Amino acid sequence: EVEQHEWAKAQKRSGTLIENEIRMCRQALTKLRSSTP
């Protein structure tokens, strides 16, 4: 059973988690591209 306020908090946490994952992928991509011609 999920309430609306619980769903809203989970949506915010999920968005933050995906943003952090995107930031980490971009950092790894920049590191790989900078170390190779």
PDB file of all heavy atoms in Angstrom:
ATOM      1  N   GLU A   1       0.848  -1.192   0.000  1.00  0.00           N
ATOM      2  CA  GLU A   1       0.000   0.000   0.000  1.00  0.00           C
ATOM      3  C   GLU A   1       0.887   1.247   0.000  1.00  0.00           C
ATOM      4  O   GLU A   1       1.753   1.399   0.858  1.00  0.00           O
ATOM      5  CB  GLU A   1      -0.909   0.004   1.223  1.00  0.00           C
ATOM      6  CG  GLU A   1      -1.908  -1.153   1.254  1.00  0.00           C
ATOM      7  CD  GLU A   1      -2.798  -1.103   2.476  1.00  0.00           C
ATOM      8  OE1 GLU A   1      -2.590  -0.168   3.301  1.00  0.00           O
ATOM      9  OE2 GLU A   1      -3.663  -1.973   2.614  1.00  0.00           O
ATOM     10  N   VAL A   2       0.641   2.108  -0.965  1.00  0.00           N
ATOM     11  CA  VAL A   2       1.463   3.308  -1.156  1.00  0.00           C
ATOM     12  C   VAL A   2       0.559   4.526  -1.090  1.00  0.00           C
ATOM     13  O   VAL A   2      -0.464   4.595  -1.769  1.00  0.00           O
ATOM     14  CB  VAL A   2       2.202   3.270  -2.508  1.00  0.00           C
ATOM     15  CG1 VAL A   2       3.094   4.496  -2.656  1.00  0.00           C
ATOM     16  CG2 VAL A   2       3.021   1.996  -2.638  1.00  0.00           C
ATOM     17  N   GLU A   3       0.930   5.481  -0.252  1.00  0.00           N
ATOM     18  CA  GLU A   3       0.218   6.751  -0.178  1.00  0.00           C
ATOM     19  C   GLU A   3       0.808   7.751  -1.175  1.00  0.00           C
ATOM     20  O   GLU A   3       1.923   7.573  -1.679  1.00  0.00           O
ATOM     21  CB  GLU A   3       0.311   7.316   1.240  1.00  0.00           C
ATOM     22  CG  GLU A   3      -0.279   6.409   2.310  1.00  0.00           C
ATOM     23  CD  GLU A   3      -1.789   6.260   2.190  1.00  0.00           C
ATOM     24  OE1 GLU A   3      -2.408   7.181   1.593  1.00  0.00           O
ATOM     25  OE2 GLU A   3      -2.324   5.255   2.670  1.00  0.00           O
ATOM     26  N   GLN A   4       0.058   8.818  -1.415  1.00  0.00           N
ATOM     27  CA  GLN A   4       0.487   9.798  -2.410  1.00  0.00           C
ATOM     28  C   GLN A   4       1.739  10.541  -1.954  1.00  0.00           C
ATOM     29  O   GLN A   4       2.644  10.813  -2.764  1.00  0.00           O
ATOM     30  CB  GLN A   4      -0.647  10.791  -2.693  1.00  0.00           C
ATOM     31  CG  GLN A   4      -0.332  11.806  -3.781  1.00  0.00           C
ATOM     32  CD  GLN A   4      -0.057  11.165  -5.127  1.00  0.00           C
ATOM     33  OE1 GLN A   4      -0.685  10.174  -5.485  1.00  0.00           O
ATOM     34  NE2 GLN A   4       0.884  11.724  -5.875  1.00  0.00           N
ATOM     35  N   HIS A   5       1.816  10.884  -0.672  1.00  0.00           N
ATOM     36  CA  HIS A   5       3.011  11.591  -0.189  1.00  0.00           C
ATOM     37  C   HIS A   5       4.241  10.691  -0.225  1.00  0.00           C
ATOM     38  O   HIS A   5       5.355  11.144  -0.504  1.00  0.00           O
ATOM     39  CB  HIS A   5       2.764  12.126   1.226  1.00  0.00           C
ATOM     40  CG  HIS A   5       2.611  11.051   2.270  1.00  0.00           C
ATOM     41  ND1 HIS A   5       1.411  10.392   2.487  1.00  0.00           N
ATOM     42  CD2 HIS A   5       3.500  10.507   3.139  1.00  0.00           C
ATOM     43  CE1 HIS A   5       1.565   9.509   3.457  1.00  0.00           C
ATOM     44  NE2 HIS A   5       2.812   9.544   3.863  1.00  0.00           N
ATOM     45  N   GLU A   6       4.069   9.387   0.037  1.00  0.00           N
ATOM     46  CA  GLU A   6       5.190   8.460  -0.093  1.00  0.00           C
ATOM     47  C   GLU A   6       5.641   8.351  -1.548  1.00  0.00           C
ATOM     48  O   GLU A   6       6.845   8.282  -1.831  1.00  0.00           O
ATOM     49  CB  GLU A   6       4.787   7.081   0.441  1.00  0.00           C
ATOM     50  CG  GLU A   6       4.464   7.057   1.918  1.00  0.00           C
ATOM     51  CD  GLU A   6       3.984   5.698   2.379  1.00  0.00           C
ATOM     52  OE1 GLU A   6       3.671   4.855   1.510  1.00  0.00           O
ATOM     53  OE2 GLU A   6       3.920   5.479   3.604  1.00  0.00           O
ATOM     54  N   TRP A   7       4.674   8.334  -2.461  1.00  0.00           N
ATOM     55  CA  TRP A   7       5.016   8.260  -3.880  1.00  0.00           C
ATOM     56  C   TRP A   7       5.766   9.514  -4.330  1.00  0.00           C
ATOM     57  O   TRP A   7       6.729   9.426  -5.121  1.00  0.00           O
ATOM     58  CB  TRP A   7       3.742   8.074  -4.693  1.00  0.00           C
ATOM     59  CG  TRP A   7       3.980   7.873  -6.155  1.00  0.00           C
ATOM     60  CD1 TRP A   7       3.949   8.821  -7.134  1.00  0.00           C
ATOM     61  CD2 TRP A   7       4.295   6.646  -6.809  1.00  0.00           C
ATOM     62  NE1 TRP A   7       4.215   8.264  -8.348  1.00  0.00           N
ATOM     63  CE2 TRP A   7       4.428   6.925  -8.188  1.00  0.00           C
ATOM     64  CE3 TRP A   7       4.456   5.343  -6.373  1.00  0.00           C
ATOM     65  CZ2 TRP A   7       4.733   5.941  -9.117  1.00  0.00           C
ATOM     66  CZ3 TRP A   7       4.759   4.358  -7.300  1.00  0.00           C
ATOM     67  CH2 TRP A   7       4.901   4.662  -8.651  1.00  0.00           C
ATOM     68  N   ALA A   8       5.362  10.671  -3.853  1.00  0.00           N
ATOM     69  CA  ALA A   8       6.039  11.918  -4.238  1.00  0.00           C
ATOM     70  C   ALA A   8       7.479  11.941  -3.724  1.00  0.00           C
ATOM     71  O   ALA A   8       8.408  12.337  -4.443  1.00  0.00           O
ATOM     72  CB  ALA A   8       5.258  13.116  -3.698  1.00  0.00           C
ATOM     73  N   LYS A   9       7.679  11.502  -2.483  1.00  0.00           N
ATOM     74  CA  LYS A   9       9.043  11.457  -1.949  1.00  0.00           C
ATOM     75  C   LYS A   9       9.901  10.458  -2.711  1.00  0.00           C
ATOM     76  O   LYS A   9      11.086  10.719  -2.999  1.00  0.00           O
ATOM     77  CB  LYS A   9       8.996  11.092  -0.465  1.00  0.00           C
ATOM     78  CG  LYS A   9       8.403  12.163   0.424  1.00  0.00           C
ATOM     79  CD  LYS A   9       8.399  11.722   1.875  1.00  0.00           C
ATOM     80  CE  LYS A   9       7.804  12.791   2.782  1.00  0.00           C
ATOM     81  NZ  LYS A   9       7.764  12.341   4.202  1.00  0.00           N
ATOM     82  N   ALA A  10       9.330   9.305  -3.051  1.00  0.00           N
ATOM     83  CA  ALA A  10      10.084   8.303  -3.810  1.00  0.00           C
ATOM     84  C   ALA A  10      10.420   8.806  -5.206  1.00  0.00           C
ATOM     85  O   ALA A  10      11.503   8.530  -5.741  1.00  0.00           O
ATOM     86  CB  ALA A  10       9.281   7.014  -3.887  1.00  0.00           C
ATOM     87  N   GLN A  11       9.509   9.562  -5.821  1.00  0.00           N
ATOM     88  CA  GLN A  11       9.789  10.130  -7.137  1.00  0.00           C
ATOM     89  C   GLN A  11      10.957  11.118  -7.072  1.00  0.00           C
ATOM     90  O   GLN A  11      11.832  11.127  -7.948  1.00  0.00           O
ATOM     91  CB  GLN A  11       8.539  10.823  -7.669  1.00  0.00           C
ATOM     92  CG  GLN A  11       8.684  11.367  -9.078  1.00  0.00           C
ATOM     93  CD  GLN A  11       7.411  12.048  -9.559  1.00  0.00           C
ATOM     94  OE1 GLN A  11       6.505  12.302  -8.766  1.00  0.00           O
ATOM     95  NE2 GLN A  11       7.343  12.354 -10.844  1.00  0.00           N
ATOM     96  N   LYS A  12      10.980  11.905  -6.037  1.00  0.00           N
ATOM     97  CA  LYS A  12      12.085  12.859  -5.878  1.00  0.00           C
ATOM     98  C   LYS A  12      13.405  12.135  -5.649  1.00  0.00           C
ATOM     99  O   LYS A  12      14.445  12.484  -6.236  1.00  0.00           O
ATOM    100  CB  LYS A  12      11.779  13.798  -4.706  1.00  0.00           C
ATOM    101  CG  LYS A  12      12.788  14.896  -4.528  1.00  0.00           C
ATOM    102  CD  LYS A  12      12.376  15.831  -3.403  1.00  0.00           C
ATOM    103  CE  LYS A  12      13.400  16.946  -3.211  1.00  0.00           C
ATOM    104  NZ  LYS A  12      13.011  17.852  -2.104  1.00  0.00           N
ATOM    105  N   ARG A  13      13.399  11.103  -4.800  1.00  0.00           N
ATOM    106  CA  ARG A  13      14.625  10.346  -4.555  1.00  0.00           C
ATOM    107  C   ARG A  13      15.101   9.618  -5.810  1.00  0.00           C
ATOM    108  O   ARG A  13      16.308   9.566  -6.081  1.00  0.00           O
ATOM    109  CB  ARG A  13      14.403   9.351  -3.420  1.00  0.00           C
ATOM    110  CG  ARG A  13      14.271   9.972  -2.047  1.00  0.00           C
ATOM    111  CD  ARG A  13      14.392   8.914  -0.961  1.00  0.00           C
ATOM    112  NE  ARG A  13      13.328   7.919  -1.070  1.00  0.00           N
ATOM    113  CZ  ARG A  13      12.162   8.002  -0.415  1.00  0.00           C
ATOM    114  NH1 ARG A  13      11.913   9.041   0.374  1.00  0.00           N
ATOM    115  NH2 ARG A  13      11.250   7.057  -0.546  1.00  0.00           N
ATOM    116  N   SER A  14      14.181   9.079  -6.580  1.00  0.00           N
ATOM    117  CA  SER A  14      14.555   8.381  -7.813  1.00  0.00           C
ATOM    118  C   SER A  14      15.159   9.346  -8.822  1.00  0.00           C
ATOM    119  O   SER A  14      16.159   9.023  -9.490  1.00  0.00           O
ATOM    120  CB  SER A  14      13.344   7.681  -8.410  1.00  0.00           C
ATOM    121  OG  SER A  14      12.811   6.734  -7.508  1.00  0.00           O
ATOM    122  N   GLY A  15      14.576  10.547  -8.952  1.00  0.00           N
ATOM    123  CA  GLY A  15      15.151  11.540  -9.846  1.00  0.00           C
ATOM    124  C   GLY A  15      16.548  11.949  -9.433  1.00  0.00           C
ATOM    125  O   GLY A  15      17.448  12.093 -10.278  1.00  0.00           O
ATOM    126  N   THR A  16      16.753  12.125  -8.134  1.00  0.00           N
ATOM    127  CA  THR A  16      18.100  12.470  -7.641  1.00  0.00           C
ATOM    128  C   THR A  16      19.097  11.359  -7.912  1.00  0.00           C
ATOM    129  O   THR A  16      20.255  11.610  -8.289  1.00  0.00           O
ATOM    130  CB  THR A  16      18.028  12.757  -6.133  1.00  0.00           C
ATOM    131  OG1 THR A  16      17.063  13.781  -5.882  1.00  0.00           O
ATOM    132  CG2 THR A  16      19.382  13.215  -5.608  1.00  0.00           C
ATOM    133  N   LEU A  17      18.657  10.103  -7.738  1.00  0.00           N
ATOM    134  CA  LEU A  17      19.545   8.967  -7.995  1.00  0.00           C
ATOM    135  C   LEU A  17      19.941   8.883  -9.463  1.00  0.00           C
ATOM    136  O   LEU A  17      21.117   8.651  -9.796  1.00  0.00           O
ATOM    137  CB  LEU A  17      18.849   7.676  -7.558  1.00  0.00           C
ATOM    138  CG  LEU A  17      19.665   6.383  -7.677  1.00  0.00           C
ATOM    139  CD1 LEU A  17      20.888   6.444  -6.786  1.00  0.00           C
ATOM    140  CD2 LEU A  17      18.815   5.181  -7.318  1.00  0.00           C
ATOM    141  N   ILE A  18      18.994   9.108 -10.370  1.00  0.00           N
ATOM    142  CA  ILE A  18      19.315   9.069 -11.794  1.00  0.00           C
ATOM    143  C   ILE A  18      20.226  10.234 -12.177  1.00  0.00           C
ATOM    144  O   ILE A  18      21.144  10.080 -13.000  1.00  0.00           O
ATOM    145  CB  ILE A  18      18.011   9.067 -12.610  1.00  0.00           C
ATOM    146  CG1 ILE A  18      17.315   7.708 -12.455  1.00  0.00           C
ATOM    147  CG2 ILE A  18      18.285   9.342 -14.085  1.00  0.00           C
ATOM    148  CD1 ILE A  18      16.033   7.573 -13.232  1.00  0.00           C
ATOM    149  N   GLU A  19      20.007  11.405 -11.577  1.00  0.00           N
ATOM    150  CA  GLU A  19      20.896  12.539 -11.847  1.00  0.00           C
ATOM    151  C   GLU A  19      22.324  12.237 -11.408  1.00  0.00           C
ATOM    152  O   GLU A  19      23.288  12.560 -12.126  1.00  0.00           O
ATOM    153  CB  GLU A  19      20.374  13.787 -11.130  1.00  0.00           C
ATOM    154  CG  GLU A  19      19.093  14.360 -11.704  1.00  0.00           C
ATOM    155  CD  GLU A  19      19.306  14.985 -13.071  1.00  0.00           C
ATOM    156  OE1 GLU A  19      20.459  15.288 -13.422  1.00  0.00           O
ATOM    157  OE2 GLU A  19      18.302  15.163 -13.783  1.00  0.00           O
ATOM    158  N   ASN A  20      22.474  11.619 -10.266  1.00  0.00           N
ATOM    159  CA  ASN A  20      23.818  11.254  -9.807  1.00  0.00           C
ATOM    160  C   ASN A  20      24.452  10.217 -10.729  1.00  0.00           C
ATOM    161  O   ASN A  20      25.659  10.273 -11.015  1.00  0.00           O
ATOM    162  CB  ASN A  20      23.745  10.710  -8.378  1.00  0.00           C
ATOM    163  CG  ASN A  20      23.347  11.759  -7.369  1.00  0.00           C
ATOM    164  OD1 ASN A  20      23.569  12.954  -7.581  1.00  0.00           O
ATOM    165  ND2 ASN A  20      22.746  11.338  -6.268  1.00  0.00           N
ATOM    166  N   GLU A  21      23.651   9.276 -11.217  1.00  0.00           N
ATOM    167  CA  GLU A  21      24.173   8.265 -12.132  1.00  0.00           C
ATOM    168  C   GLU A  21      24.611   8.901 -13.451  1.00  0.00           C
ATOM    169  O   GLU A  21      25.658   8.537 -14.014  1.00  0.00           O
ATOM    170  CB  GLU A  21      23.094   7.209 -12.378  1.00  0.00           C
ATOM    171  CG  GLU A  21      23.594   5.996 -13.122  1.00  0.00           C
ATOM    172  CD  GLU A  21      24.471   5.099 -12.288  1.00  0.00           C
ATOM    173  OE1 GLU A  21      24.441   5.233 -11.056  1.00  0.00           O
ATOM    174  OE2 GLU A  21      25.187   4.270 -12.878  1.00  0.00           O
ATOM    175  N   ILE A  22      23.835   9.857 -13.958  1.00  0.00           N
ATOM    176  CA  ILE A  22      24.213  10.559 -15.188  1.00  0.00           C
ATOM    177  C   ILE A  22      25.507  11.343 -14.982  1.00  0.00           C
ATOM    178  O   ILE A  22      26.399  11.357 -15.847  1.00  0.00           O
ATOM    179  CB  ILE A  22      23.064  11.481 -15.635  1.00  0.00           C
ATOM    180  CG1 ILE A  22      21.877  10.646 -16.135  1.00  0.00           C
ATOM    181  CG2 ILE A  22      23.529  12.434 -16.725  1.00  0.00           C
ATOM    182  CD1 ILE A  22      20.652  11.465 -16.463  1.00  0.00           C
ATOM    183  N   ARG A  23      25.630  11.986 -13.837  1.00  0.00           N
ATOM    184  CA  ARG A  23      26.858  12.749 -13.561  1.00  0.00           C
ATOM    185  C   ARG A  23      28.078  11.831 -13.496  1.00  0.00           C
ATOM    186  O   ARG A  23      29.139  12.148 -14.053  1.00  0.00           O
ATOM    187  CB  ARG A  23      26.684  13.504 -12.234  1.00  0.00           C
ATOM    188  CG  ARG A  23      27.896  14.308 -11.810  1.00  0.00           C
ATOM    189  CD  ARG A  23      27.604  15.045 -10.518  1.00  0.00           C
ATOM    190  NE  ARG A  23      27.113  14.149  -9.489  1.00  0.00           N
ATOM    191  CZ  ARG A  23      27.891  13.375  -8.734  1.00  0.00           C
ATOM    192  NH1 ARG A  23      29.218  13.401  -8.895  1.00  0.00           N
ATOM    193  NH2 ARG A  23      27.364  12.609  -7.802  1.00  0.00           N
ATOM    194  N   MET A  24      27.940  10.678 -12.860  1.00  0.00           N
ATOM    195  CA  MET A  24      29.064   9.737 -12.784  1.00  0.00           C
ATOM    196  C   MET A  24      29.427   9.192 -14.157  1.00  0.00           C
ATOM    197  O   MET A  24      30.618   9.035 -14.483  1.00  0.00           O
ATOM    198  CB  MET A  24      28.693   8.596 -11.835  1.00  0.00           C
ATOM    199  CG  MET A  24      28.553   9.017 -10.385  1.00  0.00           C
ATOM    200  SD  MET A  24      27.896   7.712  -9.334  1.00  0.00           S
ATOM    201  CE  MET A  24      29.148   6.460  -9.493  1.00  0.00           C
ATOM    202  N   CYS A  25      28.432   8.907 -15.003  1.00  0.00           N
ATOM    203  CA  CYS A  25      28.716   8.422 -16.361  1.00  0.00           C
ATOM    204  C   CYS A  25      29.427   9.493 -17.178  1.00  0.00           C
ATOM    205  O   CYS A  25      30.370   9.187 -17.939  1.00  0.00           O
ATOM    206  CB  CYS A  25      27.424   7.996 -17.038  1.00  0.00           C
ATOM    207  SG  CYS A  25      26.691   6.480 -16.382  1.00  0.00           S
ATOM    208  N   ARG A  26      29.023  10.735 -17.037  1.00  0.00           N
ATOM    209  CA  ARG A  26      29.688  11.808 -17.778  1.00  0.00           C
ATOM    210  C   ARG A  26      31.133  11.994 -17.321  1.00  0.00           C
ATOM    211  O   ARG A  26      32.029  12.241 -18.140  1.00  0.00           O
ATOM    212  CB  ARG A  26      28.905  13.106 -17.603  1.00  0.00           C
ATOM    213  CG  ARG A  26      27.599  13.146 -18.390  1.00  0.00           C
ATOM    214  CD  ARG A  26      26.812  14.404 -18.095  1.00  0.00           C
ATOM    215  NE  ARG A  26      25.587  14.462 -18.906  1.00  0.00           N
ATOM    216  CZ  ARG A  26      24.644  15.375 -18.743  1.00  0.00           C
ATOM    217  NH1 ARG A  26      24.791  16.331 -17.818  1.00  0.00           N
ATOM    218  NH2 ARG A  26      23.566  15.354 -19.504  1.00  0.00           N
ATOM    219  N   GLN A  27      31.358  11.873 -16.037  1.00  0.00           N
ATOM    220  CA  GLN A  27      32.735  11.986 -15.544  1.00  0.00           C
ATOM    221  C   GLN A  27      33.608  10.847 -16.075  1.00  0.00           C
ATOM    222  O   GLN A  27      34.753  11.077 -16.493  1.00  0.00           O
ATOM    223  CB  GLN A  27      32.725  11.972 -14.012  1.00  0.00           C
ATOM    224  CG  GLN A  27      32.146  13.223 -13.386  1.00  0.00           C
ATOM    225  CD  GLN A  27      32.098  13.144 -11.882  1.00  0.00           C
ATOM    226  OE1 GLN A  27      32.436  12.110 -11.287  1.00  0.00           O
ATOM    227  NE2 GLN A  27      31.674  14.221 -11.234  1.00  0.00           N
ATOM    228  N   ALA A  28      33.074   9.619 -16.066  1.00  0.00           N
ATOM    229  CA  ALA A  28      33.842   8.495 -16.604  1.00  0.00           C
ATOM    230  C   ALA A  28      34.101   8.654 -18.095  1.00  0.00           C
ATOM    231  O   ALA A  28      35.198   8.352 -18.601  1.00  0.00           O
ATOM    232  CB  ALA A  28      33.101   7.185 -16.324  1.00  0.00           C
ATOM    233  N   LEU A  29      33.109   9.160 -18.825  1.00  0.00           N
ATOM    234  CA  LEU A  29      33.283   9.365 -20.261  1.00  0.00           C
ATOM    235  C   LEU A  29      34.324  10.439 -20.545  1.00  0.00           C
ATOM    236  O   LEU A  29      35.162  10.294 -21.455  1.00  0.00           O
ATOM    237  CB  LEU A  29      31.937   9.748 -20.873  1.00  0.00           C
ATOM    238  CG  LEU A  29      31.795   9.679 -22.397  1.00  0.00           C
ATOM    239  CD1 LEU A  29      32.032   8.265 -22.879  1.00  0.00           C
ATOM    240  CD2 LEU A  29      30.425  10.169 -22.814  1.00  0.00           C
ATOM    241  N   THR A  30      34.300  11.506 -19.787  1.00  0.00           N
ATOM    242  CA  THR A  30      35.303  12.565 -19.964  1.00  0.00           C
ATOM    243  C   THR A  30      36.706  12.060 -19.642  1.00  0.00           C
ATOM    244  O   THR A  30      37.679  12.401 -20.340  1.00  0.00           O
ATOM    245  CB  THR A  30      34.952  13.756 -19.056  1.00  0.00           C
ATOM    246  OG1 THR A  30      33.628  14.200 -19.341  1.00  0.00           O
ATOM    247  CG2 THR A  30      35.929  14.892 -19.258  1.00  0.00           C
ATOM    248  N   LYS A  31      36.824  11.222 -18.615  1.00  0.00           N
ATOM    249  CA  LYS A  31      38.134  10.677 -18.257  1.00  0.00           C
ATOM    250  C   LYS A  31      38.675   9.770 -19.350  1.00  0.00           C
ATOM    251  O   LYS A  31      39.868   9.819 -19.700  1.00  0.00           O
ATOM    252  CB  LYS A  31      38.005   9.911 -16.943  1.00  0.00           C
ATOM    253  CG  LYS A  31      39.317   9.374 -16.416  1.00  0.00           C
ATOM    254  CD  LYS A  31      39.116   8.688 -15.083  1.00  0.00           C
ATOM    255  CE  LYS A  31      40.442   8.151 -14.550  1.00  0.00           C
ATOM    256  NZ  LYS A  31      40.260   7.456 -13.252  1.00  0.00           N
ATOM    257  N   LEU A  32      37.809   8.932 -19.938  1.00  0.00           N
ATOM    258  CA  LEU A  32      38.261   8.049 -21.010  1.00  0.00           C
ATOM    259  C   LEU A  32      38.650   8.826 -22.258  1.00  0.00           C
ATOM    260  O   LEU A  32      39.660   8.528 -22.915  1.00  0.00           O
ATOM    261  CB  LEU A  32      37.155   7.039 -21.343  1.00  0.00           C
ATOM    262  CG  LEU A  32      36.915   5.927 -20.318  1.00  0.00           C
ATOM    263  CD1 LEU A  32      35.672   5.134 -20.694  1.00  0.00           C
ATOM    264  CD2 LEU A  32      38.121   5.012 -20.214  1.00  0.00           C
ATOM    265  N   ARG A  33      37.877   9.824 -22.619  1.00  0.00           N
ATOM    266  CA  ARG A  33      38.182  10.601 -23.816  1.00  0.00           C
ATOM    267  C   ARG A  33      39.425  11.466 -23.655  1.00  0.00           C
ATOM    268  O   ARG A  33      40.150  11.713 -24.617  1.00  0.00           O
ATOM    269  CB  ARG A  33      36.991  11.477 -24.171  1.00  0.00           C
ATOM    270  CG  ARG A  33      35.815  10.691 -24.754  1.00  0.00           C
ATOM    271  CD  ARG A  33      34.628  11.587 -25.014  1.00  0.00           C
ATOM    272  NE  ARG A  33      33.545  10.854 -25.676  1.00  0.00           N
ATOM    273  CZ  ARG A  33      32.349  11.358 -25.917  1.00  0.00           C
ATOM    274  NH1 ARG A  33      32.070  12.616 -25.550  1.00  0.00           N
ATOM    275  NH2 ARG A  33      31.428  10.624 -26.520  1.00  0.00           N
ATOM    276  N   SER A  34      39.685  11.931 -22.444  1.00  0.00           N
ATOM    277  CA  SER A  34      40.869  12.770 -22.224  1.00  0.00           C
ATOM    278  C   SER A  34      42.165  11.966 -22.211  1.00  0.00           C
ATOM    279  O   SER A  34      43.231  12.521 -22.459  1.00  0.00           O
ATOM    280  CB  SER A  34      40.719  13.534 -20.900  1.00  0.00           C
ATOM    281  OG  SER A  34      40.624  12.624 -19.813  1.00  0.00           O
ATOM    282  N   SER A  35      42.082  10.672 -21.929  1.00  0.00           N
ATOM    283  CA  SER A  35      43.290   9.838 -21.864  1.00  0.00           C
ATOM    284  C   SER A  35      43.615   9.147 -23.177  1.00  0.00           C
ATOM    285  O   SER A  35      44.586   8.394 -23.242  1.00  0.00           O
ATOM    286  CB  SER A  35      43.126   8.780 -20.767  1.00  0.00           C
ATOM    287  OG  SER A  35      42.022   7.938 -21.053  1.00  0.00           O
ATOM    288  N   THR A  36      42.817   9.375 -24.233  1.00  0.00           N
ATOM    289  CA  THR A  36      43.023   8.713 -25.526  1.00  0.00           C
ATOM    290  C   THR A  36      42.872   9.747 -26.633  1.00  0.00           C
ATOM    291  O   THR A  36      41.975  10.595 -26.567  1.00  0.00           O
ATOM    292  CB  THR A  36      41.987   7.580 -25.720  1.00  0.00           C
ATOM    293  OG1 THR A  36      42.013   6.729 -24.585  1.00  0.00           O
ATOM    294  CG2 THR A  36      42.307   6.759 -26.959  1.00  0.00           C
ATOM    295  N   PRO A  37      43.724   9.700 -27.644  1.00  0.00           N
ATOM    296  CA  PRO A  37      43.532  10.609 -28.781  1.00  0.00           C
ATOM    297  C   PRO A  37      42.155  10.439 -29.419  1.00  0.00           C
ATOM    298  O   PRO A  37      41.649   9.329 -29.560  1.00  0.00           O
ATOM    299  CB  PRO A  37      44.656  10.208 -29.752  1.00  0.00           C
ATOM    300  CG  PRO A  37      45.701   9.602 -28.875  1.00  0.00           C
ATOM    301  CD  PRO A  37      44.960   8.912 -27.767  1.00  0.00           C
TER     302      PRO A  37
END
